[in-house]
N, C-alpha and C. Protein backbone atom coordinates (compact mmCIF):
# COMPACT_ATOMS: atom_id res chain seq x y z
N MET A 1 0.81 -1.16 0.00
CA MET A 1 0.00 0.00 0.00
C MET A 1 0.87 1.24 0.00
N THR A 2 0.54 2.18 -0.81
CA THR A 2 1.32 3.40 -0.89
C THR A 2 0.62 4.50 -0.11
N ALA A 3 1.41 5.36 0.42
CA ALA A 3 0.86 6.48 1.19
C ALA A 3 0.27 7.51 0.24
N PRO A 4 -0.86 8.10 0.62
CA PRO A 4 -1.44 9.13 -0.25
C PRO A 4 -0.52 10.33 -0.32
N ARG A 5 -0.50 10.90 -1.49
CA ARG A 5 0.36 12.08 -1.68
C ARG A 5 -0.28 13.28 -0.98
N SER A 6 0.55 13.98 -0.30
CA SER A 6 0.04 15.18 0.37
C SER A 6 0.20 16.37 -0.56
N THR A 7 -0.83 17.16 -0.64
CA THR A 7 -0.77 18.36 -1.46
C THR A 7 -0.16 19.48 -0.62
N PRO A 8 0.68 20.26 -1.23
CA PRO A 8 1.27 21.36 -0.45
C PRO A 8 0.20 22.38 -0.08
N SER A 9 0.19 22.77 1.17
CA SER A 9 -0.80 23.77 1.60
C SER A 9 -0.32 25.15 1.18
N PRO A 10 -1.25 25.99 0.74
CA PRO A 10 -0.84 27.34 0.33
C PRO A 10 -0.36 28.13 1.54
N ARG A 11 0.70 28.83 1.38
CA ARG A 11 1.26 29.62 2.47
C ARG A 11 0.56 30.97 2.50
N ASP A 12 0.42 31.52 3.70
CA ASP A 12 -0.26 32.80 3.86
C ASP A 12 0.55 33.96 3.30
N ASP A 13 1.85 33.82 3.28
CA ASP A 13 2.66 34.94 2.79
C ASP A 13 2.90 34.87 1.29
N ASP A 14 2.35 33.90 0.64
CA ASP A 14 2.48 33.79 -0.81
C ASP A 14 1.51 34.79 -1.45
N PRO A 15 2.02 35.74 -2.23
CA PRO A 15 1.14 36.78 -2.78
C PRO A 15 0.15 36.25 -3.81
N THR A 16 0.33 35.03 -4.28
CA THR A 16 -0.62 34.52 -5.27
C THR A 16 -1.78 33.78 -4.62
N SER A 17 -1.71 33.48 -3.33
CA SER A 17 -2.81 32.79 -2.66
C SER A 17 -3.87 33.81 -2.25
N ILE A 18 -5.06 33.34 -1.98
CA ILE A 18 -6.17 34.21 -1.57
C ILE A 18 -5.83 34.90 -0.25
N ALA A 19 -5.31 34.15 0.69
CA ALA A 19 -4.95 34.74 1.98
C ALA A 19 -3.86 35.79 1.82
N GLY A 20 -2.92 35.53 0.93
CA GLY A 20 -1.86 36.50 0.68
C GLY A 20 -2.39 37.77 0.04
N VAL A 21 -3.34 37.63 -0.88
CA VAL A 21 -3.94 38.80 -1.53
C VAL A 21 -4.75 39.61 -0.51
N VAL A 22 -5.51 38.93 0.34
CA VAL A 22 -6.30 39.61 1.36
C VAL A 22 -5.38 40.36 2.32
N ASP A 23 -4.31 39.72 2.73
CA ASP A 23 -3.34 40.36 3.63
C ASP A 23 -2.70 41.57 2.96
N LEU A 24 -2.38 41.45 1.69
CA LEU A 24 -1.78 42.56 0.94
C LEU A 24 -2.74 43.74 0.83
N VAL A 25 -4.02 43.44 0.58
CA VAL A 25 -5.03 44.50 0.48
C VAL A 25 -5.23 45.18 1.83
N LYS A 26 -5.25 44.40 2.92
CA LYS A 26 -5.39 44.99 4.26
C LYS A 26 -4.22 45.91 4.58
N THR A 27 -3.03 45.44 4.29
CA THR A 27 -1.83 46.25 4.56
C THR A 27 -1.86 47.55 3.75
N TYR A 28 -2.24 47.44 2.49
CA TYR A 28 -2.30 48.63 1.62
C TYR A 28 -3.36 49.60 2.13
N ALA A 29 -4.53 49.09 2.52
CA ALA A 29 -5.60 49.96 3.00
C ALA A 29 -5.19 50.69 4.27
N LYS A 30 -4.52 49.98 5.18
CA LYS A 30 -4.05 50.63 6.41
C LYS A 30 -3.03 51.72 6.09
N GLN A 31 -2.13 51.42 5.18
CA GLN A 31 -1.08 52.37 4.82
C GLN A 31 -1.67 53.62 4.18
N GLU A 32 -2.67 53.46 3.34
CA GLU A 32 -3.21 54.59 2.60
C GLU A 32 -4.28 55.35 3.35
N THR A 33 -4.82 54.80 4.44
CA THR A 33 -5.85 55.51 5.18
C THR A 33 -5.36 56.02 6.52
N LEU A 34 -4.64 55.23 7.27
CA LEU A 34 -4.24 55.65 8.61
C LEU A 34 -3.20 56.77 8.59
N GLY A 35 -2.25 56.70 7.68
CA GLY A 35 -1.23 57.75 7.59
C GLY A 35 -1.82 59.12 7.30
N PRO A 36 -2.62 59.25 6.23
CA PRO A 36 -3.23 60.56 5.97
C PRO A 36 -4.19 61.01 7.07
N LEU A 37 -4.91 60.08 7.71
CA LEU A 37 -5.82 60.48 8.79
C LEU A 37 -5.06 61.01 9.99
N LYS A 38 -3.92 60.42 10.30
CA LYS A 38 -3.11 60.94 11.40
C LYS A 38 -2.61 62.34 11.08
N GLY A 39 -2.18 62.55 9.83
CA GLY A 39 -1.73 63.88 9.42
C GLY A 39 -2.85 64.89 9.48
N ALA A 40 -4.05 64.49 9.05
CA ALA A 40 -5.19 65.40 9.10
C ALA A 40 -5.59 65.70 10.54
N GLY A 41 -5.47 64.71 11.40
CA GLY A 41 -5.79 64.93 12.81
C GLY A 41 -4.86 65.94 13.46
N ARG A 42 -3.57 65.82 13.16
CA ARG A 42 -2.61 66.80 13.69
C ARG A 42 -2.90 68.19 13.13
N TRP A 43 -3.25 68.25 11.83
CA TRP A 43 -3.54 69.52 11.18
C TRP A 43 -4.75 70.18 11.83
N LEU A 44 -5.80 69.40 12.08
CA LEU A 44 -7.00 69.92 12.71
C LEU A 44 -6.75 70.32 14.16
N ALA A 45 -5.96 69.55 14.89
CA ALA A 45 -5.67 69.88 16.29
C ALA A 45 -4.90 71.19 16.40
N MET A 46 -3.91 71.35 15.54
CA MET A 46 -3.14 72.60 15.57
C MET A 46 -4.01 73.79 15.16
N GLY A 47 -4.86 73.60 14.18
CA GLY A 47 -5.77 74.67 13.76
C GLY A 47 -6.75 75.05 14.85
N ALA A 48 -7.30 74.05 15.54
CA ALA A 48 -8.24 74.33 16.63
C ALA A 48 -7.55 75.04 17.79
N ALA A 49 -6.35 74.59 18.14
CA ALA A 49 -5.61 75.24 19.22
C ALA A 49 -5.27 76.68 18.85
N GLY A 50 -4.87 76.90 17.61
CA GLY A 50 -4.57 78.25 17.16
C GLY A 50 -5.79 79.15 17.18
N ALA A 51 -6.94 78.61 16.77
CA ALA A 51 -8.17 79.39 16.76
C ALA A 51 -8.59 79.78 18.17
N VAL A 52 -8.47 78.84 19.11
CA VAL A 52 -8.84 79.14 20.50
C VAL A 52 -7.92 80.21 21.07
N LEU A 53 -6.62 80.07 20.84
CA LEU A 53 -5.68 81.06 21.39
C LEU A 53 -5.84 82.43 20.75
N LEU A 54 -6.06 82.47 19.44
CA LEU A 54 -6.30 83.76 18.78
C LEU A 54 -7.60 84.40 19.27
N GLY A 55 -8.62 83.59 19.46
CA GLY A 55 -9.89 84.12 19.97
C GLY A 55 -9.75 84.69 21.37
N LEU A 56 -9.06 83.96 22.23
CA LEU A 56 -8.85 84.44 23.60
C LEU A 56 -8.01 85.72 23.60
N GLY A 57 -6.97 85.75 22.80
CA GLY A 57 -6.14 86.96 22.71
C GLY A 57 -6.93 88.14 22.16
N GLY A 58 -7.79 87.88 21.19
CA GLY A 58 -8.61 88.95 20.62
C GLY A 58 -9.58 89.53 21.64
N VAL A 59 -10.20 88.65 22.43
CA VAL A 59 -11.13 89.13 23.45
C VAL A 59 -10.40 89.98 24.49
N ILE A 60 -9.24 89.52 24.92
CA ILE A 60 -8.47 90.29 25.91
C ILE A 60 -8.03 91.64 25.32
N LEU A 61 -7.60 91.63 24.07
CA LEU A 61 -7.20 92.88 23.40
C LEU A 61 -8.36 93.85 23.31
N LEU A 62 -9.54 93.37 22.90
CA LEU A 62 -10.69 94.25 22.76
C LEU A 62 -11.17 94.79 24.11
N LEU A 63 -11.12 93.95 25.14
CA LEU A 63 -11.48 94.46 26.47
C LEU A 63 -10.47 95.50 26.96
N GLY A 64 -9.20 95.30 26.64
CA GLY A 64 -8.19 96.29 27.00
C GLY A 64 -8.40 97.61 26.29
N ILE A 65 -8.77 97.54 25.02
CA ILE A 65 -9.04 98.78 24.27
C ILE A 65 -10.26 99.49 24.85
N LEU A 66 -11.29 98.72 25.20
CA LEU A 66 -12.49 99.32 25.81
C LEU A 66 -12.15 100.02 27.11
N ARG A 67 -11.39 99.34 27.97
CA ARG A 67 -11.02 99.97 29.25
C ARG A 67 -10.11 101.18 29.04
N LEU A 68 -9.22 101.13 28.04
CA LEU A 68 -8.36 102.27 27.74
C LEU A 68 -9.18 103.48 27.33
N ILE A 69 -10.15 103.27 26.46
CA ILE A 69 -10.98 104.38 26.00
C ILE A 69 -11.79 104.94 27.16
N GLN A 70 -12.35 104.05 27.99
CA GLN A 70 -13.15 104.52 29.12
C GLN A 70 -12.31 105.25 30.15
N ALA A 71 -11.06 104.84 30.34
CA ALA A 71 -10.21 105.48 31.34
C ALA A 71 -9.61 106.79 30.84
N GLU A 72 -9.25 106.86 29.57
CA GLU A 72 -8.58 108.05 29.04
C GLU A 72 -9.55 109.09 28.52
N TRP A 73 -10.78 108.72 28.30
CA TRP A 73 -11.78 109.67 27.81
C TRP A 73 -12.89 109.72 28.85
N PRO A 74 -12.71 110.55 29.88
CA PRO A 74 -13.61 110.52 31.04
C PRO A 74 -15.07 110.79 30.69
N ARG A 75 -15.30 111.61 29.70
CA ARG A 75 -16.68 111.95 29.35
C ARG A 75 -17.43 110.74 28.79
N SER A 76 -16.69 109.79 28.19
CA SER A 76 -17.34 108.63 27.60
C SER A 76 -17.72 107.57 28.62
N ALA A 77 -17.20 107.68 29.84
CA ALA A 77 -17.48 106.67 30.85
C ALA A 77 -18.86 106.85 31.48
N SER A 78 -19.41 108.03 31.37
CA SER A 78 -20.73 108.27 31.96
C SER A 78 -21.49 109.26 31.10
N GLY A 79 -22.75 109.37 31.36
CA GLY A 79 -23.57 110.33 30.64
C GLY A 79 -24.13 109.77 29.35
N SER A 80 -24.50 110.68 28.47
CA SER A 80 -25.19 110.28 27.24
C SER A 80 -24.25 109.71 26.18
N LEU A 81 -22.93 109.85 26.36
CA LEU A 81 -21.97 109.32 25.37
C LEU A 81 -21.31 108.03 25.83
N SER A 82 -21.88 107.35 26.80
CA SER A 82 -21.25 106.14 27.33
C SER A 82 -21.26 104.98 26.34
N TRP A 83 -22.02 105.05 25.28
CA TRP A 83 -22.10 103.98 24.29
C TRP A 83 -21.02 104.09 23.23
N ILE A 84 -20.35 105.23 23.13
CA ILE A 84 -19.34 105.44 22.07
C ILE A 84 -18.14 104.48 22.20
N PRO A 85 -17.59 104.24 23.40
CA PRO A 85 -16.48 103.28 23.47
C PRO A 85 -16.87 101.88 22.98
N TYR A 86 -18.10 101.48 23.26
CA TYR A 86 -18.56 100.17 22.80
C TYR A 86 -18.67 100.13 21.27
N LEU A 87 -19.11 101.24 20.70
CA LEU A 87 -19.20 101.32 19.23
C LEU A 87 -17.80 101.28 18.61
N ILE A 88 -16.85 101.97 19.21
CA ILE A 88 -15.48 101.96 18.69
C ILE A 88 -14.89 100.55 18.76
N VAL A 89 -15.10 99.86 19.88
CA VAL A 89 -14.58 98.50 20.02
C VAL A 89 -15.29 97.56 19.06
N LEU A 90 -16.58 97.76 18.81
CA LEU A 90 -17.31 96.93 17.85
C LEU A 90 -16.76 97.11 16.44
N VAL A 91 -16.45 98.34 16.08
CA VAL A 91 -15.87 98.60 14.75
C VAL A 91 -14.49 97.96 14.63
N ILE A 92 -13.68 98.05 15.68
CA ILE A 92 -12.36 97.41 15.67
C ILE A 92 -12.51 95.90 15.55
N CYS A 93 -13.49 95.35 16.28
CA CYS A 93 -13.74 93.90 16.21
C CYS A 93 -14.15 93.48 14.80
N LEU A 94 -15.01 94.24 14.17
CA LEU A 94 -15.42 93.92 12.80
C LEU A 94 -14.26 94.03 11.82
N LEU A 95 -13.38 95.00 12.03
CA LEU A 95 -12.20 95.12 11.18
C LEU A 95 -11.26 93.93 11.35
N LEU A 96 -11.09 93.47 12.59
CA LEU A 96 -10.25 92.29 12.84
C LEU A 96 -10.86 91.03 12.22
N ILE A 97 -12.18 90.90 12.29
CA ILE A 97 -12.84 89.76 11.65
C ILE A 97 -12.66 89.82 10.14
N LEU A 98 -12.82 90.99 9.55
CA LEU A 98 -12.63 91.16 8.11
C LEU A 98 -11.19 90.82 7.71
N LEU A 99 -10.23 91.25 8.51
CA LEU A 99 -8.83 90.94 8.24
C LEU A 99 -8.58 89.43 8.30
N ALA A 100 -9.14 88.78 9.31
CA ALA A 100 -8.94 87.33 9.46
C ALA A 100 -9.59 86.56 8.31
N VAL A 101 -10.79 86.94 7.92
CA VAL A 101 -11.48 86.25 6.84
C VAL A 101 -10.77 86.45 5.51
N SER A 102 -10.19 87.61 5.31
CA SER A 102 -9.49 87.87 4.05
C SER A 102 -8.19 87.06 3.94
N HIS A 103 -7.67 86.56 5.06
CA HIS A 103 -6.44 85.78 5.04
C HIS A 103 -6.67 84.27 5.13
N ILE A 104 -7.90 83.83 4.98
CA ILE A 104 -8.18 82.40 5.01
C ILE A 104 -7.60 81.77 3.76
N ASN A 105 -6.84 80.71 3.96
CA ASN A 105 -6.22 79.99 2.85
C ASN A 105 -7.19 78.92 2.39
N ARG A 106 -7.56 78.96 1.12
CA ARG A 106 -8.56 78.03 0.62
C ARG A 106 -7.95 76.82 -0.08
N ASP A 107 -6.67 76.56 0.13
CA ASP A 107 -6.04 75.38 -0.46
C ASP A 107 -6.59 74.12 0.17
N SER A 108 -6.61 73.08 -0.60
CA SER A 108 -7.07 71.79 -0.11
C SER A 108 -6.03 71.18 0.81
N LEU A 109 -6.48 70.28 1.66
CA LEU A 109 -5.57 69.60 2.58
C LEU A 109 -4.61 68.71 1.83
N ASN A 110 -5.07 68.11 0.74
CA ASN A 110 -4.25 67.16 -0.01
C ASN A 110 -3.49 67.80 -1.17
N LYS A 111 -3.68 69.07 -1.40
CA LYS A 111 -3.02 69.73 -2.51
C LYS A 111 -1.53 69.88 -2.22
N GLU A 112 -0.71 69.49 -3.17
CA GLU A 112 0.74 69.59 -2.97
C GLU A 112 1.20 71.03 -3.19
N GLN A 113 2.21 71.41 -2.43
CA GLN A 113 2.76 72.76 -2.55
C GLN A 113 3.58 72.85 -3.84
N LYS A 114 3.52 74.01 -4.46
CA LYS A 114 4.26 74.22 -5.70
C LYS A 114 5.65 74.73 -5.41
């Protein structure tokens, strides 16, 4: 009696086997999705932190300007002209918003630099 011939089992690391192709596709998908997502996450985190700090600094600056106007212009602190410092600070605030919006960079996240 002869022993039955054993067929070689396909190896998982063989790129021509189904398991090898599935493993290759998984590795490629991880490489092409996780790397860019990590980069986008860092980009968004830095942008959010910058926005919060700029906003906080802007509020402190505008309050300082308001207090400066009220302290140096005594007539504006009381009476019928007490609203003028608030109007001046509102105009400055609108100018700062206009300046910030005009400097928004509309490039795509994935666009390569020239």
